[in-house]
PDB file of N, CA and C in Angstrom:
ATOM      1  N   MET A   1      88.303  86.225 240.526  1.00  0.00           N
ATOM      2  CA  MET A   1      87.589  85.964 239.182  1.00  0.00           C
ATOM      3  C   MET A   1      87.746  84.893 238.476  1.00  0.00           C
ATOM      4  N   ILE A   2      87.492  84.152 237.920  1.00  0.00           N
ATOM      5  CA  ILE A   2      87.744  83.274 237.107  1.00  0.00           C
ATOM      6  C   ILE A   2      87.032  83.702 235.710  1.00  0.00           C
ATOM      7  N   GLU A   3      87.865  83.355 234.542  1.00  0.00           N
ATOM      8  CA  GLU A   3      87.684  84.027 233.130  1.00  0.00           C
ATOM      9  C   GLU A   3      87.732  82.940 232.356  1.00  0.00           C
ATOM     10  N   LEU A   4      86.653  82.773 231.245  1.00  0.00           N
ATOM     11  CA  LEU A   4      87.101  81.807 230.015  1.00  0.00           C
ATOM     12  C   LEU A   4      86.981  82.980 228.698  1.00  0.00           C
ATOM     13  N   ARG A   5      88.237  82.988 228.087  1.00  0.00           N
ATOM     14  CA  ARG A   5      88.466  83.777 226.904  1.00  0.00           C
ATOM     15  C   ARG A   5      88.306  82.779 225.724  1.00  0.00           C
ATOM     16  N   THR A   6      87.485  83.151 224.876  1.00  0.00           N
ATOM     17  CA  THR A   6      87.315  82.389 223.725  1.00  0.00           C
ATOM     18  C   THR A   6      87.775  83.142 222.458  1.00  0.00           C
ATOM     19  N   TYR A   7      88.959  82.689 221.528  1.00  0.00           N
ATOM     20  CA  TYR A   7      89.509  83.460 220.397  1.00  0.00           C
ATOM     21  C   TYR A   7      89.225  82.875 219.163  1.00  0.00           C
ATOM     22  N   THR A   8      88.399  83.427 218.459  1.00  0.00           N
ATOM     23  CA  THR A   8      88.210  82.792 216.772  1.00  0.00           C
ATOM     24  C   THR A   8      89.506  83.372 215.930  1.00  0.00           C
ATOM     25  N   LEU A   9      90.277  82.345 215.640  1.00  0.00           N
ATOM     26  CA  LEU A   9      91.098  82.699 214.710  1.00  0.00           C
ATOM     27  C   LEU A   9      90.597  82.397 213.150  1.00  0.00           C
ATOM     28  N   SER A  10      91.324  83.356 212.158  1.00  0.00           N
ATOM     29  CA  SER A  10      91.383  83.186 210.946  1.00  0.00           C
ATOM     30  C   SER A  10      91.446  81.759 210.053  1.00  0.00           C
ATOM     31  N   SER A  11      92.480  81.056 210.780  1.00  0.00           N
ATOM     32  CA  SER A  11      92.812  79.826 210.272  1.00  0.00           C
ATOM     33  C   SER A  11      93.292  78.718 211.173  1.00  0.00           C
ATOM     34  N   ALA A  12      93.232  77.599 211.016  1.00  0.00           N
ATOM     35  CA  ALA A  12      93.797  76.395 211.598  1.00  0.00           C
ATOM     36  C   ALA A  12      95.313  76.801 211.844  1.00  0.00           C
ATOM     37  N   GLU A  13      96.236  77.329 211.108  1.00  0.00           N
ATOM     38  CA  GLU A  13      97.298  77.597 211.042  1.00  0.00           C
ATOM     39  C   GLU A  13      97.596  78.721 212.125  1.00  0.00           C
ATOM     40  N   SER A  14      97.130  79.796 211.772  1.00  0.00           N
ATOM     41  CA  SER A  14      96.641  80.852 212.775  1.00  0.00           C
ATOM     42  C   SER A  14      96.582  80.307 214.153  1.00  0.00           C
ATOM     43  N   LEU A  15      95.819  79.564 214.349  1.00  0.00           N
ATOM     44  CA  LEU A  15      95.040  78.945 215.709  1.00  0.00           C
ATOM     45  C   LEU A  15      96.761  78.039 216.401  1.00  0.00           C
ATOM     46  N   ASP A  16      97.206  77.294 215.296  1.00  0.00           N
ATOM     47  CA  ASP A  16      98.247  76.586 215.718  1.00  0.00           C
ATOM     48  C   ASP A  16      99.302  77.628 216.413  1.00  0.00           C
ATOM     49  N   ARG A  17      99.585  78.816 215.431  1.00  0.00           N
ATOM     50  CA  ARG A  17     100.816  79.384 215.851  1.00  0.00           C
ATOM     51  C   ARG A  17     100.478  80.200 217.224  1.00  0.00           C
ATOM     52  N   TYR A  18      99.230  80.826 217.162  1.00  0.00           N
ATOM     53  CA  TYR A  18      98.814  81.294 218.514  1.00  0.00           C
ATOM     54  C   TYR A  18      98.675  80.546 219.724  1.00  0.00           C
ATOM     55  N   ALA A  19      98.499  79.404 219.525  1.00  0.00           N
ATOM     56  CA  ALA A  19      98.469  78.525 221.010  1.00  0.00           C
ATOM     57  C   ALA A  19      99.846  78.351 221.376  1.00  0.00           C
ATOM     58  N   SER A  20     100.778  77.749 220.126  1.00  0.00           N
ATOM     59  CA  SER A  20     101.982  77.195 220.702  1.00  0.00           C
ATOM     60  C   SER A  20     103.082  78.515 220.985  1.00  0.00           C
ATOM     61  N   ILE A  21     103.034  79.229 220.216  1.00  0.00           N
ATOM     62  CA  ILE A  21     104.162  80.503 220.360  1.00  0.00           C
ATOM     63  C   ILE A  21     103.522  81.614 221.213  1.00  0.00           C
ATOM     64  N   HIS A  22     102.243  82.394 221.146  1.00  0.00           N
ATOM     65  CA  HIS A  22     102.073  83.531 221.518  1.00  0.00           C
ATOM     66  C   HIS A  22     101.228  83.423 223.091  1.00  0.00           C
ATOM     67  N   TRP A  23     100.472  82.015 223.135  1.00  0.00           N
ATOM     68  CA  TRP A  23      99.528  81.828 224.416  1.00  0.00           C
ATOM     69  C   TRP A  23     100.968  81.491 225.579  1.00  0.00           C
ATOM     70  N   THR A  24     101.963  80.629 224.784  1.00  0.00           N
ATOM     71  CA  THR A  24     102.981  80.168 225.557  1.00  0.00           C
ATOM     72  C   THR A  24     103.758  81.729 226.462  1.00  0.00           C
ATOM     73  N   ARG A  25     103.557  82.524 225.586  1.00  0.00           N
ATOM     74  CA  ARG A  25     104.487  83.902 226.237  1.00  0.00           C
ATOM     75  C   ARG A  25     103.404  84.624 227.319  1.00  0.00           C
ATOM     76  N   HIS A  26     102.089  84.457 226.797  1.00  0.00           N
ATOM     77  CA  HIS A  26     101.096  85.159 227.505  1.00  0.00           C
ATOM     78  C   HIS A  26     101.114  84.314 228.934  1.00  0.00           C
ATOM     79  N   ILE A  27     101.491  83.653 229.317  1.00  0.00           N
ATOM     80  CA  ILE A  27     101.293  82.652 230.393  1.00  0.00           C
ATOM     81  C   ILE A  27     102.245  83.109 231.307  1.00  0.00           C
ATOM     82  N   VAL A  28     103.434  83.436 231.182  1.00  0.00           N
ATOM     83  CA  VAL A  28     104.580  84.037 231.818  1.00  0.00           C
ATOM     84  C   VAL A  28     104.409  85.487 232.062  1.00  0.00           C
ATOM     85  N   SER A  29     103.904  86.385 231.225  1.00  0.00           N
ATOM     86  CA  SER A  29     103.468  87.924 231.217  1.00  0.00           C
ATOM     87  C   SER A  29     102.365  88.095 232.236  1.00  0.00           C
ATOM     88  N   LEU A  30     101.207  87.072 231.793  1.00  0.00           N
ATOM     89  CA  LEU A  30      99.928  87.570 232.360  1.00  0.00           C
ATOM     90  C   LEU A  30     100.210  87.297 233.840  1.00  0.00           C
ATOM     91  N   ALA A  31     101.194  86.347 234.248  1.00  0.00           N
ATOM     92  CA  ALA A  31     101.315  86.261 235.918  1.00  0.00           C
ATOM     93  C   ALA A  31     101.924  87.474 236.784  1.00  0.00           C
ATOM     94  N   ALA A  32     102.807  88.061 235.735  1.00  0.00           N
ATOM     95  CA  ALA A  32     103.497  89.122 236.187  1.00  0.00           C
ATOM     96  C   ALA A  32     102.436  90.441 236.808  1.00  0.00           C
ATOM     97  N   PHE A  33     100.944  90.161 236.071  1.00  0.00           N
ATOM     98  CA  PHE A  33     100.091  91.023 236.104  1.00  0.00           C
ATOM     99  C   PHE A  33      99.021  90.652 237.237  1.00  0.00           C
ATOM    100  N   GLY A  34      99.306  89.481 237.915  1.00  0.00           N
ATOM    101  CA  GLY A  34      98.284  88.866 238.873  1.00  0.00           C
ATOM    102  C   GLY A  34      97.317  87.710 238.016  1.00  0.00           C
ATOM    103  N   VAL A  35      97.580  87.550 236.913  1.00  0.00           N
ATOM    104  CA  VAL A  35      96.736  86.453 236.332  1.00  0.00           C
ATOM    105  C   VAL A  35      97.396  85.366 235.839  1.00  0.00           C
ATOM    106  N   THR A  36      96.702  84.121 236.483  1.00  0.00           N
ATOM    107  CA  THR A  36      97.292  82.939 236.531  1.00  0.00           C
ATOM    108  C   THR A  36      96.489  81.926 235.393  1.00  0.00           C
ATOM    109  N   THR A  37      97.240  81.650 234.684  1.00  0.00           N
ATOM    110  CA  THR A  37      96.519  81.166 233.867  1.00  0.00           C
ATOM    111  C   THR A  37      96.501  79.277 233.997  1.00  0.00           C
ATOM    112  N   HIS A  38      95.168  78.768 234.038  1.00  0.00           N
ATOM    113  CA  HIS A  38      94.933  77.344 234.525  1.00  0.00           C
ATOM    114  C   HIS A  38      95.013  76.387 233.368  1.00  0.00           C
ATOM    115  N   HIS A  39      94.349  77.021 232.103  1.00  0.00           N
ATOM    116  CA  HIS A  39      94.232  75.948 230.993  1.00  0.00           C
ATOM    117  C   HIS A  39      94.088  76.839 229.706  1.00  0.00           C
ATOM    118  N   VAL A  40      94.785  75.961 228.598  1.00  0.00           N
ATOM    119  CA  VAL A  40      94.734  76.747 227.529  1.00  0.00           C
ATOM    120  C   VAL A  40      94.074  75.538 226.157  1.00  0.00           C
ATOM    121  N   TRP A  41      93.107  75.549 225.766  1.00  0.00           N
ATOM    122  CA  TRP A  41      92.541  74.779 225.060  1.00  0.00           C
ATOM    123  C   TRP A  41      92.200  75.009 223.497  1.00  0.00           C
ATOM    124  N   LYS A  42      92.316  73.986 222.641  1.00  0.00           N
ATOM    125  CA  LYS A  42      91.702  74.095 221.178  1.00  0.00           C
ATOM    126  C   LYS A  42      90.557  73.362 220.855  1.00  0.00           C
ATOM    127  N   GLU A  43      89.645  74.074 220.574  1.00  0.00           N
ATOM    128  CA  GLU A  43      88.228  73.398 220.407  1.00  0.00           C
ATOM    129  C   GLU A  43      88.406  72.368 219.024  1.00  0.00           C
ATOM    130  N   VAL A  44      87.746  71.218 219.463  1.00  0.00           N
ATOM    131  CA  VAL A  44      87.893  70.194 218.540  1.00  0.00           C
ATOM    132  C   VAL A  44      86.309  70.191 217.786  1.00  0.00           C
ATOM    133  N   GLY A  45      86.530  70.067 216.628  1.00  0.00           N
ATOM    134  CA  GLY A  45      85.016  70.069 215.620  1.00  0.00           C
ATOM    135  C   GLY A  45      84.248  71.093 215.603  1.00  0.00           C
ATOM    136  N   GLY A  46      84.439  72.293 215.896  1.00  0.00           N
ATOM    137  CA  GLY A  46      84.158  73.226 215.812  1.00  0.00           C
ATOM    138  C   GLY A  46      83.909  73.887 214.469  1.00  0.00           C
ATOM    139  N   ASP A  47      82.964  75.174 214.045  1.00  0.00           N
ATOM    140  CA  ASP A  47      82.829  75.504 212.666  1.00  0.00           C
ATOM    141  C   ASP A  47      83.962  76.200 212.452  1.00  0.00           C
ATOM    142  N   ARG A  48      84.752  76.923 213.395  1.00  0.00           N
ATOM    143  CA  ARG A  48      85.906  77.565 213.047  1.00  0.00           C
ATOM    144  C   ARG A  48      87.176  77.563 214.038  1.00  0.00           C
ATOM    145  N   PRO A  49      88.381  77.665 213.657  1.00  0.00           N
ATOM    146  CA  PRO A  49      89.180  77.552 214.557  1.00  0.00           C
ATOM    147  C   PRO A  49      89.018  78.336 215.687  1.00  0.00           C
ATOM    148  N   ARG A  50      89.187  78.035 217.138  1.00  0.00           N
ATOM    149  CA  ARG A  50      89.068  78.378 218.359  1.00  0.00           C
ATOM    150  C   ARG A  50      90.255  77.940 219.381  1.00  0.00           C
ATOM    151  N   LEU A  51      90.558  78.942 220.264  1.00  0.00           N
ATOM    152  CA  LEU A  51      91.210  78.639 221.260  1.00  0.00           C
ATOM    153  C   LEU A  51      90.432  79.072 222.630  1.00  0.00           C
ATOM    154  N   LEU A  52      90.685  78.713 223.646  1.00  0.00           N
ATOM    155  CA  LEU A  52      89.785  78.969 224.673  1.00  0.00           C
ATOM    156  C   LEU A  52      90.823  78.765 226.273  1.00  0.00           C
ATOM    157  N   ALA A  53      90.886  79.844 226.701  1.00  0.00           N
ATOM    158  CA  ALA A  53      91.716  79.991 227.869  1.00  0.00           C
ATOM    159  C   ALA A  53      91.183  80.535 229.212  1.00  0.00           C
ATOM    160  N   LEU A  54      91.431  79.519 229.922  1.00  0.00           N
ATOM    161  CA  LEU A  54      90.595  79.438 231.482  1.00  0.00           C
ATOM    162  C   LEU A  54      91.948  80.091 232.404  1.00  0.00           C
ATOM    163  N   VAL A  55      91.604  81.699 232.933  1.00  0.00           N
ATOM    164  CA  VAL A  55      92.658  82.491 233.711  1.00  0.00           C
ATOM    165  C   VAL A  55      91.732  82.954 234.808  1.00  0.00           C
ATOM    166  N   GLN A  56      92.589  83.252 235.955  1.00  0.00           N
ATOM    167  CA  GLN A  56      92.137  83.531 237.068  1.00  0.00           C
ATOM    168  C   GLN A  56      92.646  85.044 237.482  1.00  0.00           C
ATOM    169  N   TYR A  57      92.105  85.971 238.016  1.00  0.00           N
ATOM    170  CA  TYR A  57      92.576  87.154 238.375  1.00  0.00           C
ATOM    171  C   TYR A  57      92.697  87.224 239.986  1.00  0.00           C
ATOM    172  N   ALA A  58      93.771  87.368 240.364  1.00  0.00           N
ATOM    173  CA  ALA A  58      94.293  87.690 241.508  1.00  0.00           C
ATOM    174  C   ALA A  58      93.070  88.453 242.689  1.00  0.00           C
ATOM    175  N   ASP A  59      92.447  87.821 243.901  1.00  0.00           N
ATOM    176  CA  ASP A  59      91.502  88.287 244.591  1.00  0.00           C
ATOM    177  C   ASP A  59      91.905  90.111 244.547  1.00  0.00           C
ATOM    178  N   GLY A  60      90.521  90.721 244.472  1.00  0.00           N
ATOM    179  CA  GLY A  60      90.546  92.160 244.477  1.00  0.00           C
ATOM    180  C   GLY A  60      90.965  92.854 243.155  1.00  0.00           C
ATOM    181  N   GLN A  61      91.396  91.987 242.275  1.00  0.00           N
ATOM    182  CA  GLN A  61      91.708  92.939 240.954  1.00  0.00           C
ATOM    183  C   GLN A  61      90.378  92.978 240.212  1.00  0.00           C
ATOM    184  N   ASN A  62      90.487  93.973 239.384  1.00  0.00           N
ATOM    185  CA  ASN A  62      89.364  94.464 238.599  1.00  0.00           C
ATOM    186  C   ASN A  62      89.692  93.707 237.116  1.00  0.00           C
ATOM    187  N   PRO A  63      89.352  92.944 236.622  1.00  0.00           N
ATOM    188  CA  PRO A  63      89.623  92.363 235.154  1.00  0.00           C
ATOM    189  C   PRO A  63      89.799  93.339 234.195  1.00  0.00           C
ATOM    190  N   ALA A  64      88.564  94.332 233.973  1.00  0.00           N
ATOM    191  CA  ALA A  64      88.959  95.245 232.577  1.00  0.00           C
ATOM    192  C   ALA A  64      90.029  96.129 233.348  1.00  0.00           C
ATOM    193  N   GLU A  65      90.141  96.423 234.566  1.00  0.00           N
ATOM    194  CA  GLU A  65      91.349  97.263 234.819  1.00  0.00           C
ATOM    195  C   GLU A  65      92.636  96.366 234.074  1.00  0.00           C
ATOM    196  N   VAL A  66      92.691  95.378 234.862  1.00  0.00           N
ATOM    197  CA  VAL A  66      93.857  94.529 234.498  1.00  0.00           C
ATOM    198  C   VAL A  66      94.383  93.960 232.791  1.00  0.00           C
ATOM    199  N   THR A  67      93.166  93.982 232.486  1.00  0.00           N
ATOM    200  CA  THR A  67      93.355  93.652 230.863  1.00  0.00           C
ATOM    201  C   THR A  67      93.342  95.034 230.020  1.00  0.00           C
ATOM    202  N   ALA A  68      93.216  96.065 230.536  1.00  0.00           N
ATOM    203  CA  ALA A  68      93.729  97.134 230.035  1.00  0.00           C
ATOM    204  C   ALA A  68      95.251  97.463 230.183  1.00  0.00           C
ATOM    205  N   ARG A  69      95.587  97.325 231.256  1.00  0.00           N
ATOM    206  CA  ARG A  69      97.021  97.722 231.881  1.00  0.00           C
ATOM    207  C   ARG A  69      97.484  96.524 231.148  1.00  0.00           C
ATOM    208  N   TYR A  70      97.447  95.438 231.026  1.00  0.00           N
ATOM    209  CA  TYR A  70      98.071  94.243 230.081  1.00  0.00           C
ATOM    210  C   TYR A  70      98.301  94.733 228.717  1.00  0.00           C
ATOM    211  N   MET A  71      97.161  94.790 228.063  1.00  0.00           N
ATOM    212  CA  MET A  71      97.323  95.205 226.781  1.00  0.00           C
ATOM    213  C   MET A  71      98.004  96.260 226.154  1.00  0.00           C
ATOM    214  N   GLY A  72      97.981  97.219 227.172  1.00  0.00           N
ATOM    215  CA  GLY A  72      98.760  98.396 226.782  1.00  0.00           C
ATOM    216  C   GLY A  72     100.268  98.450 227.101  1.00  0.00           C
ATOM    217  N   SER A  73     100.607  97.222 227.580  1.00  0.00           N
ATOM    218  CA  SER A  73     101.974  96.893 228.188  1.00  0.00           C
ATOM    219  C   SER A  73     103.214  96.825 227.165  1.00  0.00           C
ATOM    220  N   SER A  74     104.393  96.872 227.298  1.00  0.00           N
ATOM    221  CA  SER A  74     105.626  96.133 226.592  1.00  0.00           C
ATOM    222  C   SER A  74     105.325  94.876 226.508  1.00  0.00           C
ATOM    223  N   GLU A  75     105.070  94.365 227.672  1.00  0.00           N
ATOM    224  CA  GLU A  75     105.062  92.493 227.983  1.00  0.00           C
ATOM    225  C   GLU A  75     104.073  92.147 226.826  1.00  0.00           C
ATOM    226  N   PHE A  76     102.810  92.809 226.658  1.00  0.00           N
ATOM    227  CA  PHE A  76     101.790  91.856 225.784  1.00  0.00           C
ATOM    228  C   PHE A  76     102.538  92.328 224.337  1.00  0.00           C
ATOM    229  N   ARG A  77     103.115  93.672 223.790  1.00  0.00           N
ATOM    230  CA  ARG A  77     103.505  93.902 222.572  1.00  0.00           C
ATOM    231  C   ARG A  77     104.719  92.871 222.112  1.00  0.00           C
ATOM    232  N   ALA A  78     105.316  92.408 223.396  1.00  0.00           N
ATOM    233  CA  ALA A  78     106.532  91.353 222.935  1.00  0.00           C
ATOM    234  C   ALA A  78     105.742  89.809 222.946  1.00  0.00           C
ATOM    235  N   ASP A  79     104.619  89.914 223.573  1.00  0.00           N
ATOM    236  CA  ASP A  79     104.110  88.352 223.546  1.00  0.00           C
ATOM    237  C   ASP A  79     103.675  88.434 221.829  1.00  0.00           C
ATOM    238  N   MET A  80     102.902  89.443 221.443  1.00  0.00           N
ATOM    239  CA  MET A  80     102.376  89.181 219.975  1.00  0.00           C
ATOM    240  C   MET A  80     103.396  89.638 219.183  1.00  0.00           C
ATOM    241  N   GLU A  81     104.527  89.804 219.193  1.00  0.00           N
ATOM    242  CA  GLU A  81     105.622  90.223 218.016  1.00  0.00           C
ATOM    243  C   GLU A  81     105.429  88.946 217.093  1.00  0.00           C
ATOM    244  N   GLY A  82     105.381  89.147 215.703  1.00  0.00           N
ATOM    245  CA  GLY A  82     105.056  88.257 214.545  1.00  0.00           C
ATOM    246  C   GLY A  82     103.962  87.704 214.261  1.00  0.00           C
ATOM    247  N   PHE A  83     103.041  88.118 215.175  1.00  0.00           N
ATOM    248  CA  PHE A  83     101.760  87.448 214.783  1.00  0.00           C
ATOM    249  C   PHE A  83     100.692  88.764 214.536  1.00  0.00           C
ATOM    250  N   ALA A  84      99.857  88.589 213.303  1.00  0.00           N
ATOM    251  CA  ALA A  84      99.195  89.444 213.118  1.00  0.00           C
ATOM    252  C   ALA A  84      97.753  89.451 213.639  1.00  0.00           C
ATOM    253  N   ALA A  85      97.395  90.667 214.352  1.00  0.00           N
ATOM    254  CA  ALA A  85      96.558  90.796 215.049  1.00  0.00           C
ATOM    255  C   ALA A  85      94.926  90.600 214.341  1.00  0.00           C
ATOM    256  N   ALA A  86      94.898  90.986 213.062  1.00  0.00           N
ATOM    257  CA  ALA A  86      94.046  90.527 212.155  1.00  0.00           C
ATOM    258  C   ALA A  86      93.337  89.139 212.111  1.00  0.00           C
ATOM    259  N   ASP A  87      94.654  88.397 212.442  1.00  0.00           N
ATOM    260  CA  ASP A  87      94.109  86.519 212.412  1.00  0.00           C
ATOM    261  C   ASP A  87      93.473  86.426 213.420  1.00  0.00           C
ATOM    262  N   ILE A  88      93.200  87.316 214.404  1.00  0.00           N
ATOM    263  CA  ILE A  88      92.188  87.057 215.518  1.00  0.00           C
ATOM    264  C   ILE A  88      91.031  87.821 215.040  1.00  0.00           C
ATOM    265  N   VAL A  89      90.160  86.881 214.716  1.00  0.00           N
ATOM    266  CA  VAL A  89      88.795  87.938 214.193  1.00  0.00           C
ATOM    267  C   VAL A  89      87.510  87.678 215.171  1.00  0.00           C
ATOM    268  N   ASP A  90      87.319  87.447 216.522  1.00  0.00           N
ATOM    269  CA  ASP A  90      86.883  87.586 217.678  1.00  0.00           C
ATOM    270  C   ASP A  90      87.468  87.114 218.939  1.00  0.00           C
ATOM    271  N   VAL A  91      86.888  87.814 219.991  1.00  0.00           N
ATOM    272  CA  VAL A  91      87.399  87.340 221.364  1.00  0.00           C
ATOM    273  C   VAL A  91      86.201  87.673 222.096  1.00  0.00           C
ATOM    274  N   THR A  92      85.576  86.633 222.693  1.00  0.00           N
ATOM    275  CA  THR A  92      84.643  86.662 223.957  1.00  0.00           C
ATOM    276  C   THR A  92      85.098  86.257 224.945  1.00  0.00           C
ATOM    277  N   SER A  93      84.379  86.731 226.421  1.00  0.00           N
ATOM    278  CA  SER A  93      84.851  86.755 227.736  1.00  0.00           C
ATOM    279  C   SER A  93      83.557  86.141 228.546  1.00  0.00           C
ATOM    280  N   THR A  94      83.739  85.027 229.089  1.00  0.00           N
ATOM    281  CA  THR A  94      83.163  84.751 230.110  1.00  0.00           C
ATOM    282  C   THR A  94      83.399  84.457 231.562  1.00  0.00           C
ATOM    283  N   PHE A  95      82.642  85.472 232.609  1.00  0.00           N
ATOM    284  CA  PHE A  95      83.137  85.274 233.638  1.00  0.00           C
ATOM    285  C   PHE A  95      82.741  84.122 234.603  1.00  0.00           C
ATOM    286  N   LEU A  96      83.047  83.169 235.412  1.00  0.00           N
ATOM    287  CA  LEU A  96      82.660  82.005 235.681  1.00  0.00           C
ATOM    288  C   LEU A  96      82.649  81.830 237.342  1.00  0.00           C
ATOM    289  N   GLU A  97      81.895  81.298 238.045  1.00  0.00           N
ATOM    290  CA  GLU A  97      81.961  81.016 239.299  1.00  0.00           C
ATOM    291  C   GLU A  97      81.768  79.477 239.504  1.00  0.00           C
ATOM    292  N   PRO A  98      82.141  78.463 240.552  1.00  0.00           N
ATOM    293  CA  PRO A  98      82.024  77.566 240.780  1.00  0.00           C
ATOM    294  C   PRO A  98      80.616  77.214 241.441  1.00  0.00           C
ATOM    295  N   ALA A  99      79.898  76.098 240.663  1.00  0.00           N
ATOM    296  CA  ALA A  99      78.519  75.867 241.128  1.00  0.00           C
ATOM    297  C   ALA A  99      78.684  75.375 242.190  1.00  0.00           C
ATOM    298  N   GLN A 100      77.411  75.063 243.302  1.00  0.00           N
ATOM    299  CA  GLN A 100      77.574  74.444 244.467  1.00  0.00           C
ATOM    300  C   GLN A 100      77.973  73.077 244.157  1.00  0.00           C
ATOM    301  N   SER A 101      77.787  72.406 243.242  1.00  0.00           N
ATOM    302  CA  SER A 101      77.862  70.945 242.750  1.00  0.00           C
ATOM    303  C   SER A 101      79.179  70.698 242.412  1.00  0.00           C
ATOM    304  N   ASP A 102      80.017  71.558 241.912  1.00  0.00           N
ATOM    305  CA  ASP A 102      81.671  71.533 241.339  1.00  0.00           C
ATOM    306  C   ASP A 102      82.243  70.860 242.319  1.00  0.00           C
ATOM    307  N   PRO A 103      82.815  69.607 241.984  1.00  0.00           N
ATOM    308  CA  PRO A 103      83.560  68.611 242.719  1.00  0.00           C
ATOM    309  C   PRO A 103      85.061  69.374 242.989  1.00  0.00           C
ATOM    310  N   ALA A 104      85.557  70.523 242.544  1.00  0.00           N
ATOM    311  CA  ALA A 104      86.604  71.157 242.853  1.00  0.00           C
ATOM    312  C   ALA A 104      86.144  72.260 243.752  1.00  0.00           C
ATOM    313  N   ALA A 105      85.035  72.802 243.935  1.00  0.00           N
ATOM    314  CA  ALA A 105      84.957  73.776 244.692  1.00  0.00           C
ATOM    315  C   ALA A 105      85.266  73.357 246.149  1.00  0.00           C
ATOM    316  N   GLU A 106      85.742  74.824 247.083  1.00  0.00           N
ATOM    317  CA  GLU A 106      86.176  74.417 248.147  1.00  0.00           C
ATOM    318  C   GLU A 106      85.188  73.819 249.220  1.00  0.00           C
ATOM    319  N   VAL A 107      83.706  74.242 249.200  1.00  0.00           N
ATOM    320  CA  VAL A 107      82.704  73.808 249.574  1.00  0.00           C
ATOM    321  C   VAL A 107      82.640  72.217 249.946  1.00  0.00           C
ATOM    322  N   ASN A 108      82.862  71.569 248.832  1.00  0.00           N
ATOM    323  CA  ASN A 108      82.819  70.187 248.498  1.00  0.00           C
ATOM    324  C   ASN A 108      84.209  69.382 248.717  1.00  0.00           C
ATOM    325  N   LYS A 109      85.270  69.744 249.113  1.00  0.00           N
ATOM    326  CA  LYS A 109      86.211  69.293 249.777  1.00  0.00           C
ATOM    327  C   LYS A 109      86.072  68.931 251.091  1.00  0.00           C
ATOM    328  N   PRO A 110      86.464  67.442 251.222  1.00  0.00           N
ATOM    329  CA  PRO A 110      86.349  66.761 252.546  1.00  0.00           C
ATOM    330  C   PRO A 110      87.350  67.443 253.693  1.00  0.00           C
ATOM    331  N   SER A 111      87.283  67.704 254.830  1.00  0.00           N
ATOM    332  CA  SER A 111      87.608  68.420 255.877  1.00  0.00           C
ATOM    333  C   SER A 111      88.871  67.330 256.412  1.00  0.00           C
ATOM    334  N   VAL A 112      89.904  67.776 256.650  1.00  0.00           N
ATOM    335  CA  VAL A 112      91.327  66.901 256.845  1.00  0.00           C
ATOM    336  C   VAL A 112      91.161  66.774 258.542  1.00  0.00           C
TER     337      VAL A 112
END
């Protein structure tokens, strides 16, 4: 399961700190929970500072259960140390699957 998580931050400074320090930590700790981080982006030209993370859950994992376990963990608390949770003003989640026309989709890769 692939998920695009969008975090709206309170300021550009909070976004920079969250992206450069705390998401760097998340990448390592999420992997221990079976979650692979594929990309972490900062929105350009938006009305609010936003970070977008494209993550993938291991086959068979329930994203809600993994997220709850991760956010209740000591690893998550360590990741967020030094960051004010109030600086994250909104989080949205969108689950994705490749379209038939996606050039990266397995169905569209040439046979060897």
